[in-house]
Amino acid sequence: MGAIDQLGFSFRPPERRVWTVRDLVASVRTHVEREYSDAWVQGEISNLRAQNSGHLYFTLKDENSQISVVMFRSSARLLRFRPADGMQVVVRGRVTVYEDRGQLQIIAEYVEPKGAGALQIAFEQLKAKLEEEGLFEASRKKVIPALPSAIGIVTSPQAAALRDILQILHRRHHTVNVLIYPAQVQGESAPIEVATGVRYFNRLRNVDVIIVARGGGSVEDLAAFNDEGLARVIAGSKLPVISAVGHETDFTIVDFVADLRAATPSAAAEIVIRSRQEVESQVARLQRELEKGMRYRLMMGRQRLTELAQHGAFGRMMDLIRRRQQRVDDLTNRMAHAQRDRLEAHRRRFETLAAAVRHYDLRLVLAGVGRELNAKVAAMAAAWRNLLLQRRARLERLTSQMEALSPVAILDRGYALVFDSSGKLVKDAARVKVGEDIRARVARGELHATVKKTSR
């Protein structure tokens, strides 16, 4: 018996608890997740991997330590920027242990760039992404209607921007219909509410143009209008959208995808409803341009007719057309004479009838004769008009056929008229000698050449 036992004491070593690796890791995981269920951690991104599944994996490190981070697709798709190696970020998530390797890691729910330029980084990355997809292309922009009958406005009912727009619309064109879709323009729900308003007007098609409006504010205040989802809704709008967000120096993603950016909400109202003076001025300008264009077309037409008239081969066709025109004029004159002769004959008949019915009620007789006379005159005039229209239509058909068969029309199709040195039209290559000077008449001018070889 040992000395300790002799003194009346007994000693037993403490019971040992032997863990399996799995149990120990699971216990540590439970403790860690309980203590760090919502942790904010800052550091630098490295070893970033984006999987086809949409999940993101990277290492978050500082000067002394590092920890693995995983961000699943459901959270990664909500990012407003594109993470990259070397970027300083703040990660919010749940700290846990990856049991297969016994390794600490963060399940990230939210990541934001660190520092004052964080929102600017997100803005530039989204801008580059959408621009690469072609959402800023000018060819996609829809035309803003010049005189809309109804205007849709998506904004907060309490916003000063709305009051500015309504004052200008009333002053310039108080009869225009204005429909307002109330939406938050700041905060987490703002992008969804504004996008819902744009979809609402697109679904009902009860307006001609949509104004998305908000007054000025800080970069944080305007962050809702840098939302990717809202930008895609506006880009896909079937109705033209005017962005009127912030002050003149403020730019948002919505400004780039909208069909038109207005510097301020007031400017949007001035753009969509122009003053009466502006409309009248534009109409006058367009009228001047139209008159100028018509005068130019008439001048070119006269010049072309002059060129055709001077062409020798065209002279015979013009003579034929003139004869046809003379024939139409002759028919017109004959119709006029015939009408006069018919009227004179009816007048004489009328006088004869009037003399024969002196003992009858002249008013009744005259009324009947007058109706008969009017009916015959109308029928005769209609018959001659139809005849004249038929003759003119036939003349126009003949003229079109002759123009299509004219030498000038043939030349316009790429053919040429070739004349020998004596000015005679060449129809047989054997009639032209080697070394002889010839000239070729094309649609626009003449070509002079010397024959080097002939063949048949």
Protein backbone atom coordinates (compact mmCIF):
# COMPACT_ATOMS: atom_id res chain seq x y z
CA MET A 1 0.00 0.00 0.00
CA GLY A 2 1.46 3.34 -0.89
CA ALA A 3 2.24 6.14 1.47
CA ILE A 4 -0.81 8.13 0.33
CA ASP A 5 -3.06 5.21 1.08
CA GLN A 6 -1.48 4.87 4.52
CA LEU A 7 -2.42 8.45 5.28
CA GLY A 8 -6.04 7.69 4.46
CA PHE A 9 -6.23 9.35 1.07
CA SER A 10 -7.15 7.73 -2.23
CA PHE A 11 -6.09 9.14 -5.64
CA ARG A 12 -7.82 8.43 -8.92
CA PRO A 13 -6.75 10.13 -12.17
CA PRO A 14 -9.50 12.26 -13.86
CA GLU A 15 -11.67 10.51 -16.40
CA ARG A 16 -10.59 11.29 -19.92
CA ARG A 17 -13.14 12.39 -22.56
CA VAL A 18 -11.96 11.20 -25.90
CA TRP A 19 -13.50 13.06 -28.86
CA THR A 20 -13.81 11.83 -32.36
CA VAL A 21 -12.62 14.35 -34.88
CA ARG A 22 -16.12 14.71 -36.27
CA ASP A 23 -17.66 15.31 -32.85
CA LEU A 24 -15.04 17.87 -31.92
CA VAL A 25 -15.46 19.79 -35.16
CA ALA A 26 -19.24 19.69 -34.78
CA SER A 27 -18.98 21.01 -31.24
CA VAL A 28 -16.68 23.81 -32.29
CA ARG A 29 -19.03 24.63 -35.16
CA THR A 30 -22.02 24.88 -32.83
CA HIS A 31 -20.13 27.19 -30.49
CA VAL A 32 -18.78 29.38 -33.29
CA GLU A 33 -22.15 29.73 -35.03
CA ARG A 34 -23.80 30.65 -31.73
CA GLU A 35 -21.22 33.32 -30.93
CA TYR A 36 -20.75 34.73 -34.45
CA SER A 37 -24.12 34.35 -36.13
CA ASP A 38 -24.03 37.91 -37.55
CA ALA A 39 -20.49 39.17 -37.98
CA TRP A 40 -19.11 42.10 -39.99
CA VAL A 41 -15.55 41.44 -41.16
CA GLN A 42 -13.32 43.65 -43.28
CA GLY A 43 -10.36 42.58 -45.36
CA GLU A 44 -8.94 42.11 -48.84
CA ILE A 45 -10.33 39.70 -51.44
CA SER A 46 -7.95 37.11 -52.88
CA ASN A 47 -8.29 33.82 -54.77
CA LEU A 48 -11.74 34.80 -56.04
CA ARG A 49 -13.56 32.04 -57.93
CA ALA A 50 -16.97 32.40 -59.57
CA GLN A 51 -18.56 29.02 -60.23
CA ASN A 52 -20.99 28.19 -63.03
CA SER A 53 -23.55 27.53 -60.33
CA GLY A 54 -23.46 31.23 -59.42
CA HIS A 55 -21.71 30.71 -56.07
CA LEU A 56 -18.67 32.84 -55.17
CA TYR A 57 -15.62 31.58 -53.26
CA PHE A 58 -12.77 33.77 -52.05
CA THR A 59 -10.32 34.36 -49.23
CA LEU A 60 -10.65 37.37 -46.96
CA LYS A 61 -7.29 38.39 -45.52
CA ASP A 62 -5.38 41.12 -43.73
CA GLU A 63 -1.71 41.46 -42.78
CA ASN A 64 -1.77 38.61 -40.28
CA SER A 65 -4.65 36.22 -40.96
CA GLN A 66 -7.08 34.91 -43.52
CA ILE A 67 -10.42 33.13 -43.62
CA SER A 68 -12.39 31.44 -46.39
CA VAL A 69 -15.65 32.98 -47.57
CA VAL A 70 -18.46 31.43 -49.59
CA MET A 71 -21.37 33.43 -51.00
CA PHE A 72 -24.20 31.39 -52.45
CA ARG A 73 -26.01 32.37 -55.64
CA SER A 74 -29.13 33.68 -53.89
CA SER A 75 -27.01 36.36 -52.20
CA ALA A 76 -24.43 36.84 -54.95
CA ARG A 77 -27.04 37.85 -57.53
CA LEU A 78 -28.04 40.80 -55.33
CA LEU A 79 -24.56 42.35 -55.39
CA ARG A 80 -24.47 45.85 -56.86
CA PHE A 81 -20.82 45.55 -57.85
CA ARG A 82 -18.43 42.95 -59.22
CA PRO A 83 -15.92 41.67 -56.62
CA ALA A 84 -12.29 41.36 -57.72
CA ASP A 85 -8.97 40.26 -56.24
CA GLY A 86 -7.24 43.01 -54.28
CA MET A 87 -10.48 44.84 -53.48
CA GLN A 88 -11.03 45.99 -49.90
CA VAL A 89 -14.49 44.94 -48.74
CA VAL A 90 -16.70 44.53 -45.71
CA VAL A 91 -18.42 41.13 -45.44
CA ARG A 92 -21.51 40.43 -43.38
CA GLY A 93 -22.33 36.84 -42.66
CA ARG A 94 -22.36 33.83 -40.39
CA VAL A 95 -19.09 32.30 -39.17
CA THR A 96 -19.10 28.51 -39.29
CA VAL A 97 -16.80 25.52 -39.64
CA TYR A 98 -16.53 23.51 -42.82
CA GLU A 99 -16.59 20.09 -41.20
CA ASP A 100 -14.95 18.13 -44.02
CA ARG A 101 -11.71 20.05 -43.47
CA GLY A 102 -12.27 21.45 -40.00
CA GLN A 103 -11.78 24.91 -41.49
CA LEU A 104 -13.29 28.20 -40.38
CA GLN A 105 -15.29 30.01 -43.05
CA ILE A 106 -17.84 32.78 -43.45
CA ILE A 107 -21.18 32.21 -45.17
CA ALA A 108 -21.55 35.72 -46.65
CA GLU A 109 -24.95 37.32 -47.06
CA TYR A 110 -23.81 40.81 -48.03
CA VAL A 111 -20.60 42.34 -49.36
CA GLU A 112 -19.86 46.00 -50.00
CA PRO A 113 -16.72 47.80 -51.18
CA LYS A 114 -14.92 49.53 -48.33
CA GLY A 115 -14.36 53.27 -48.27
CA ALA A 116 -15.95 56.46 -49.60
CA GLY A 117 -15.75 55.28 -53.23
CA ALA A 118 -17.67 52.07 -52.64
CA LEU A 119 -20.88 53.24 -54.32
CA GLN A 120 -18.89 54.78 -57.15
CA ILE A 121 -17.15 51.46 -57.78
CA ALA A 122 -20.50 49.69 -57.91
CA PHE A 123 -21.82 52.39 -60.26
CA GLU A 124 -18.89 52.13 -62.67
CA GLN A 125 -19.00 48.33 -62.76
CA LEU A 126 -22.74 48.20 -63.47
CA LYS A 127 -22.42 50.96 -66.06
CA ALA A 128 -19.68 49.02 -67.89
CA LYS A 129 -21.73 45.81 -67.74
CA LEU A 130 -24.90 47.31 -69.20
CA GLU A 131 -22.99 49.30 -71.80
CA GLU A 132 -21.29 46.10 -72.96
CA GLU A 133 -24.75 44.55 -73.39
CA GLY A 134 -25.75 47.46 -75.64
CA LEU A 135 -28.43 48.92 -73.37
CA PHE A 136 -27.05 52.45 -73.87
CA GLU A 137 -27.05 52.32 -77.69
CA ALA A 138 -28.65 55.30 -79.42
CA SER A 139 -30.37 52.93 -81.86
CA ARG A 140 -32.44 51.56 -78.96
CA LYS A 141 -33.76 54.97 -77.93
CA LYS A 142 -37.42 55.66 -78.65
CA VAL A 143 -38.63 59.01 -79.97
CA ILE A 144 -40.29 61.33 -77.48
CA PRO A 145 -43.72 62.35 -78.89
CA ALA A 146 -43.90 66.02 -79.88
CA LEU A 147 -47.41 66.64 -78.52
CA PRO A 148 -48.41 63.88 -76.09
CA SER A 149 -52.03 63.70 -75.03
CA ALA A 150 -51.25 61.87 -71.77
CA ILE A 151 -48.14 61.78 -69.56
CA GLY A 152 -47.31 59.21 -66.87
CA ILE A 153 -45.17 60.26 -63.90
CA VAL A 154 -43.54 57.77 -61.51
CA THR A 155 -42.44 59.56 -58.33
CA SER A 156 -43.33 60.26 -54.72
CA PRO A 157 -46.58 62.25 -54.34
CA GLN A 158 -44.86 64.39 -51.68
CA ALA A 159 -41.80 65.16 -53.82
CA ALA A 160 -41.00 68.75 -54.75
CA ALA A 161 -40.05 67.37 -58.16
CA LEU A 162 -43.71 66.49 -58.81
CA ARG A 163 -44.89 69.99 -57.93
CA ASP A 164 -42.31 71.51 -60.30
CA ILE A 165 -43.43 69.26 -63.15
CA LEU A 166 -47.14 69.94 -62.64
CA GLN A 167 -46.65 73.72 -62.50
CA ILE A 168 -44.81 73.77 -65.82
CA LEU A 169 -47.28 71.39 -67.50
CA HIS A 170 -50.21 73.54 -66.38
CA ARG A 171 -48.56 76.76 -67.54
CA ARG A 172 -47.64 75.41 -70.95
CA HIS A 173 -50.52 73.10 -71.83
CA HIS A 174 -53.14 72.80 -69.13
CA THR A 175 -55.32 70.37 -71.12
CA VAL A 176 -52.80 67.51 -71.16
CA ASN A 177 -53.78 64.45 -69.11
CA VAL A 178 -51.35 63.60 -66.29
CA LEU A 179 -51.38 60.22 -64.53
CA ILE A 180 -49.25 59.79 -61.40
CA TYR A 181 -48.02 56.43 -60.10
CA PRO A 182 -46.96 56.89 -56.45
CA ALA A 183 -43.63 55.27 -55.57
CA GLN A 184 -40.88 55.58 -52.99
CA VAL A 185 -37.81 57.19 -54.56
CA GLN A 186 -35.37 56.47 -51.73
CA GLY A 187 -34.66 53.41 -49.64
CA GLU A 188 -34.60 49.65 -50.14
CA SER A 189 -38.09 49.40 -51.64
CA ALA A 190 -37.61 52.29 -54.09
CA PRO A 191 -36.17 50.34 -57.07
CA ILE A 192 -39.00 47.79 -56.95
CA GLU A 193 -41.74 50.44 -56.61
CA VAL A 194 -40.39 52.60 -59.45
CA ALA A 195 -40.01 49.53 -61.70
CA THR A 196 -43.59 48.52 -60.87
CA GLY A 197 -44.79 51.98 -61.95
CA VAL A 198 -43.03 51.71 -65.30
CA ARG A 199 -44.53 48.25 -65.85
CA TYR A 200 -47.98 49.59 -64.89
CA PHE A 201 -48.02 52.22 -67.64
CA ASN A 202 -46.61 49.73 -70.16
CA ARG A 203 -49.37 47.27 -69.35
CA LEU A 204 -52.26 49.74 -69.64
CA ARG A 205 -50.77 51.83 -72.48
CA ASN A 206 -52.80 54.81 -71.24
CA VAL A 207 -50.00 57.37 -71.65
CA ASP A 208 -47.71 58.45 -74.48
CA VAL A 209 -44.54 59.01 -72.42
CA ILE A 210 -43.30 58.19 -68.91
CA ILE A 211 -41.29 60.52 -66.64
CA VAL A 212 -39.31 58.91 -63.79
CA ALA A 213 -38.61 61.79 -61.42
CA ARG A 214 -36.78 62.56 -58.19
CA GLY A 215 -35.19 65.70 -56.80
CA GLY A 216 -31.53 66.10 -55.93
CA GLY A 217 -29.67 64.36 -53.12
CA SER A 218 -26.47 62.65 -52.09
CA VAL A 219 -25.02 59.61 -53.84
CA GLU A 220 -26.63 57.44 -51.19
CA ASP A 221 -30.01 59.15 -51.69
CA LEU A 222 -29.94 58.42 -55.43
CA ALA A 223 -28.70 54.84 -55.03
CA ALA A 224 -32.12 53.40 -55.93
CA PHE A 225 -31.71 54.69 -59.49
CA ASN A 226 -28.43 52.77 -59.85
CA ASP A 227 -30.25 49.47 -59.36
CA GLU A 228 -29.68 46.89 -62.09
CA GLY A 229 -33.22 45.51 -61.96
CA LEU A 230 -34.79 48.95 -62.36
CA ALA A 231 -32.40 49.77 -65.19
CA ARG A 232 -33.43 46.65 -67.11
CA VAL A 233 -37.14 47.39 -66.68
CA ILE A 234 -36.69 50.91 -68.09
CA ALA A 235 -34.51 49.62 -70.94
CA GLY A 236 -37.25 47.13 -71.86
CA SER A 237 -40.10 49.66 -71.74
CA LYS A 238 -42.23 49.83 -74.89
CA LEU A 239 -43.18 53.41 -74.03
CA PRO A 240 -40.56 56.18 -74.17
CA VAL A 241 -39.09 56.99 -70.75
CA ILE A 242 -37.54 60.29 -69.64
CA SER A 243 -35.17 60.16 -66.66
CA ALA A 244 -35.45 63.26 -64.46
CA VAL A 245 -33.42 62.31 -61.40
CA GLY A 246 -31.37 64.69 -59.28
CA HIS A 247 -29.67 67.89 -60.32
CA GLU A 248 -27.92 68.66 -63.59
CA THR A 249 -24.57 67.33 -62.28
CA ASP A 250 -26.06 64.07 -60.95
CA PHE A 251 -25.85 60.97 -63.14
CA THR A 252 -27.45 57.60 -62.46
CA ILE A 253 -27.65 54.31 -64.36
CA VAL A 254 -31.29 55.12 -65.15
CA ASP A 255 -30.10 58.21 -67.05
CA PHE A 256 -28.15 56.02 -69.46
CA VAL A 257 -30.83 53.40 -70.18
CA ALA A 258 -33.72 55.89 -70.48
CA ASP A 259 -34.70 57.20 -73.91
CA LEU A 260 -33.87 60.75 -72.81
CA ARG A 261 -32.18 62.31 -69.79
CA ALA A 262 -33.51 65.59 -68.45
CA ALA A 263 -31.16 67.66 -66.31
CA THR A 264 -33.91 68.28 -63.74
CA PRO A 265 -37.59 67.35 -63.26
CA SER A 266 -38.54 70.86 -64.43
CA ALA A 267 -36.49 70.36 -67.58
CA ALA A 268 -38.37 67.10 -68.23
CA ALA A 269 -41.68 68.97 -68.18
CA GLU A 270 -40.31 71.58 -70.58
CA ILE A 271 -39.09 68.86 -72.93
CA VAL A 272 -42.28 66.82 -73.01
CA ILE A 273 -44.60 69.82 -73.42
CA ARG A 274 -43.16 72.55 -75.58
CA SER A 275 -44.61 76.03 -75.58
CA ARG A 276 -47.02 77.16 -78.30
CA GLN A 277 -44.34 79.51 -79.64
CA GLU A 278 -41.87 76.63 -79.98
CA VAL A 279 -44.41 74.49 -81.82
CA GLU A 280 -45.36 77.30 -84.20
CA SER A 281 -41.68 78.05 -84.83
CA GLN A 282 -40.95 74.41 -85.63
CA VAL A 283 -43.97 74.17 -87.95
CA ALA A 284 -42.79 77.29 -89.80
CA ARG A 285 -39.28 75.86 -90.09
CA LEU A 286 -40.55 72.54 -91.40
CA GLN A 287 -42.75 74.37 -93.92
CA ARG A 288 -39.74 76.32 -95.18
CA GLU A 289 -37.72 73.13 -95.50
CA LEU A 290 -40.57 71.44 -97.35
CA GLU A 291 -40.93 74.33 -99.79
CA LYS A 292 -37.18 74.40 -100.33
CA GLY A 293 -37.14 70.66 -101.01
CA MET A 294 -40.06 70.90 -103.44
CA ARG A 295 -38.42 73.77 -105.32
CA TYR A 296 -35.25 71.74 -105.61
CA ARG A 297 -37.12 68.68 -106.87
CA LEU A 298 -38.97 70.79 -109.44
CA MET A 299 -35.73 72.39 -110.59
CA MET A 300 -34.08 68.97 -111.00
CA GLY A 301 -37.15 67.69 -112.84
CA ARG A 302 -37.11 70.62 -115.27
CA GLN A 303 -33.40 70.12 -115.83
CA ARG A 304 -33.97 66.44 -116.54
CA LEU A 305 -36.81 67.22 -118.95
CA THR A 306 -34.60 69.75 -120.72
CA GLU A 307 -31.85 67.15 -121.13
CA LEU A 308 -34.35 64.63 -122.48
CA ALA A 309 -35.88 67.17 -124.84
CA GLN A 310 -32.46 68.02 -126.25
CA HIS A 311 -31.67 64.40 -126.93
CA GLY A 312 -32.14 63.63 -130.63
CA ALA A 313 -33.70 60.23 -130.14
CA PHE A 314 -36.19 61.70 -127.70
CA GLY A 315 -37.52 64.27 -130.15
CA ARG A 316 -39.66 61.80 -132.07
CA MET A 317 -41.21 60.49 -128.89
CA MET A 318 -41.96 64.05 -127.74
CA ASP A 319 -43.60 64.74 -131.11
CA LEU A 320 -45.81 61.72 -130.62
CA ILE A 321 -46.70 62.84 -127.09
CA ARG A 322 -47.50 66.34 -128.35
CA ARG A 323 -49.77 64.88 -131.01
CA ARG A 324 -51.53 62.84 -128.36
CA GLN A 325 -51.87 65.93 -126.20
CA GLN A 326 -53.23 67.85 -129.18
CA ARG A 327 -55.70 65.03 -129.73
CA VAL A 328 -56.85 65.31 -126.09
CA ASP A 329 -57.19 69.08 -126.46
CA ASP A 330 -59.18 68.61 -129.65
CA LEU A 331 -61.49 66.13 -127.95
CA THR A 332 -61.92 68.54 -125.06
CA ASN A 333 -62.87 71.35 -127.44
CA ARG A 334 -65.23 69.10 -129.34
CA MET A 335 -66.86 68.07 -126.07
CA ALA A 336 -67.31 71.71 -125.10
CA HIS A 337 -68.83 72.54 -128.51
CA ALA A 338 -71.06 69.51 -128.32
CA GLN A 339 -72.24 70.57 -124.88
CA ARG A 340 -73.05 74.04 -126.18
CA ASP A 341 -74.88 72.56 -129.18
CA ARG A 342 -76.86 70.25 -126.92
CA LEU A 343 -77.72 73.09 -124.59
CA GLU A 344 -78.80 75.24 -127.53
CA ALA A 345 -80.99 72.42 -128.85
CA HIS A 346 -82.60 71.96 -125.46
CA ARG A 347 -83.11 75.70 -125.17
CA ARG A 348 -84.91 75.80 -128.51
CA ARG A 349 -87.02 72.79 -127.51
CA PHE A 350 -87.79 74.45 -124.23
CA GLU A 351 -88.98 77.60 -126.01
CA THR A 352 -91.14 75.52 -128.35
CA LEU A 353 -92.72 73.67 -125.45
CA ALA A 354 -93.23 76.90 -123.56
CA ALA A 355 -95.10 78.39 -126.52
CA ALA A 356 -97.21 75.25 -126.91
CA VAL A 357 -98.38 75.17 -123.31
CA ARG A 358 -99.25 78.82 -122.83
CA HIS A 359 -102.77 77.79 -121.84
CA TYR A 360 -101.51 75.38 -119.17
CA ASP A 361 -99.99 76.01 -115.80
CA LEU A 362 -96.60 77.20 -116.97
CA ARG A 363 -95.02 76.66 -113.58
CA LEU A 364 -95.72 72.94 -113.60
CA VAL A 365 -94.61 72.52 -117.20
CA LEU A 366 -91.47 74.55 -116.73
CA ALA A 367 -90.59 72.63 -113.60
CA GLY A 368 -90.91 69.32 -115.43
CA VAL A 369 -88.93 70.53 -118.43
CA GLY A 370 -86.31 72.01 -116.13
CA ARG A 371 -85.86 68.73 -114.34
CA GLU A 372 -85.62 66.88 -117.61
CA LEU A 373 -83.13 69.40 -118.92
CA ASN A 374 -80.99 69.23 -115.80
CA ALA A 375 -80.97 65.44 -115.85
CA LYS A 376 -79.91 65.31 -119.49
CA VAL A 377 -77.24 67.95 -119.03
CA ALA A 378 -75.85 66.11 -116.01
CA ALA A 379 -75.86 62.77 -117.85
CA MET A 380 -74.19 64.32 -120.88
CA ALA A 381 -71.53 66.00 -118.75
CA ALA A 382 -70.81 62.75 -116.89
CA ALA A 383 -70.50 60.84 -120.16
CA TRP A 384 -68.05 63.34 -121.60
CA ARG A 385 -66.05 63.41 -118.37
CA ASN A 386 -65.75 59.64 -118.41
CA LEU A 387 -64.70 59.74 -122.06
CA LEU A 388 -62.09 62.37 -121.32
CA LEU A 389 -60.75 60.42 -118.33
CA GLN A 390 -60.50 57.27 -120.45
CA ARG A 391 -58.61 59.14 -123.19
CA ARG A 392 -56.27 60.71 -120.67
CA ALA A 393 -55.62 57.37 -118.95
CA ARG A 394 -54.85 55.81 -122.30
CA LEU A 395 -52.51 58.67 -123.15
CA GLU A 396 -50.70 58.23 -119.82
CA ARG A 397 -50.29 54.49 -120.46
CA LEU A 398 -48.92 55.15 -123.94
CA THR A 399 -46.61 57.81 -122.56
CA SER A 400 -45.29 55.42 -119.88
CA GLN A 401 -44.77 52.69 -122.48
CA MET A 402 -42.94 55.09 -124.81
CA GLU A 403 -40.76 56.36 -121.98
CA ALA A 404 -39.84 52.78 -121.04
CA LEU A 405 -38.89 52.07 -124.67
CA SER A 406 -37.12 55.36 -125.25
CA PRO A 407 -33.35 55.39 -125.85
CA VAL A 408 -32.90 57.43 -122.69
CA ALA A 409 -34.54 54.75 -120.55
CA ILE A 410 -32.41 52.10 -122.23
CA LEU A 411 -29.29 54.15 -121.54
CA ASP A 412 -30.31 54.45 -117.89
CA ARG A 413 -30.14 50.65 -117.70
CA GLY A 414 -26.43 50.71 -118.63
CA TYR A 415 -26.55 50.47 -122.44
CA ALA A 416 -24.84 52.90 -124.82
CA LEU A 417 -25.40 54.34 -128.35
CA VAL A 418 -22.24 54.12 -130.47
CA PHE A 419 -21.61 56.53 -133.38
CA ASP A 420 -18.85 56.26 -136.01
CA SER A 421 -16.57 59.08 -137.09
CA SER A 422 -19.24 60.37 -139.48
CA GLY A 423 -21.86 60.53 -136.73
CA LYS A 424 -23.87 57.54 -137.91
CA LEU A 425 -25.27 55.04 -135.44
CA VAL A 426 -23.19 51.83 -135.43
CA LYS A 427 -25.28 48.67 -135.72
CA ASP A 428 -22.66 46.35 -137.24
CA ALA A 429 -19.06 46.03 -136.03
CA ALA A 430 -17.96 45.26 -139.59
CA ARG A 431 -18.78 48.87 -140.63
CA VAL A 432 -16.16 50.27 -138.28
CA LYS A 433 -12.49 50.29 -139.22
CA VAL A 434 -9.55 49.65 -136.91
CA GLY A 435 -8.11 53.01 -135.86
CA GLU A 436 -11.37 54.86 -136.47
CA ASP A 437 -12.53 57.32 -133.81
CA ILE A 438 -15.90 56.55 -132.33
CA ARG A 439 -18.05 58.05 -129.56
CA ALA A 440 -20.45 56.30 -127.20
CA ARG A 441 -23.46 58.08 -125.74
CA VAL A 442 -24.31 56.85 -122.19
CA ALA A 443 -27.00 58.03 -119.79
CA ARG A 444 -24.82 60.85 -118.48
CA GLY A 445 -22.51 62.22 -121.17
CA GLU A 446 -20.38 60.73 -123.95
CA LEU A 447 -17.24 58.61 -124.23
CA HIS A 448 -14.68 59.05 -127.04
CA ALA A 449 -12.54 56.09 -128.09
CA THR A 450 -10.41 54.66 -130.91
CA VAL A 451 -11.13 51.19 -132.35
CA LYS A 452 -8.24 48.80 -131.81
CA LYS A 453 -9.96 45.58 -132.85
CA THR A 454 -13.28 44.43 -134.26
CA SER A 455 -14.97 41.06 -133.95
CA ARG A 456 -18.38 39.61 -134.68
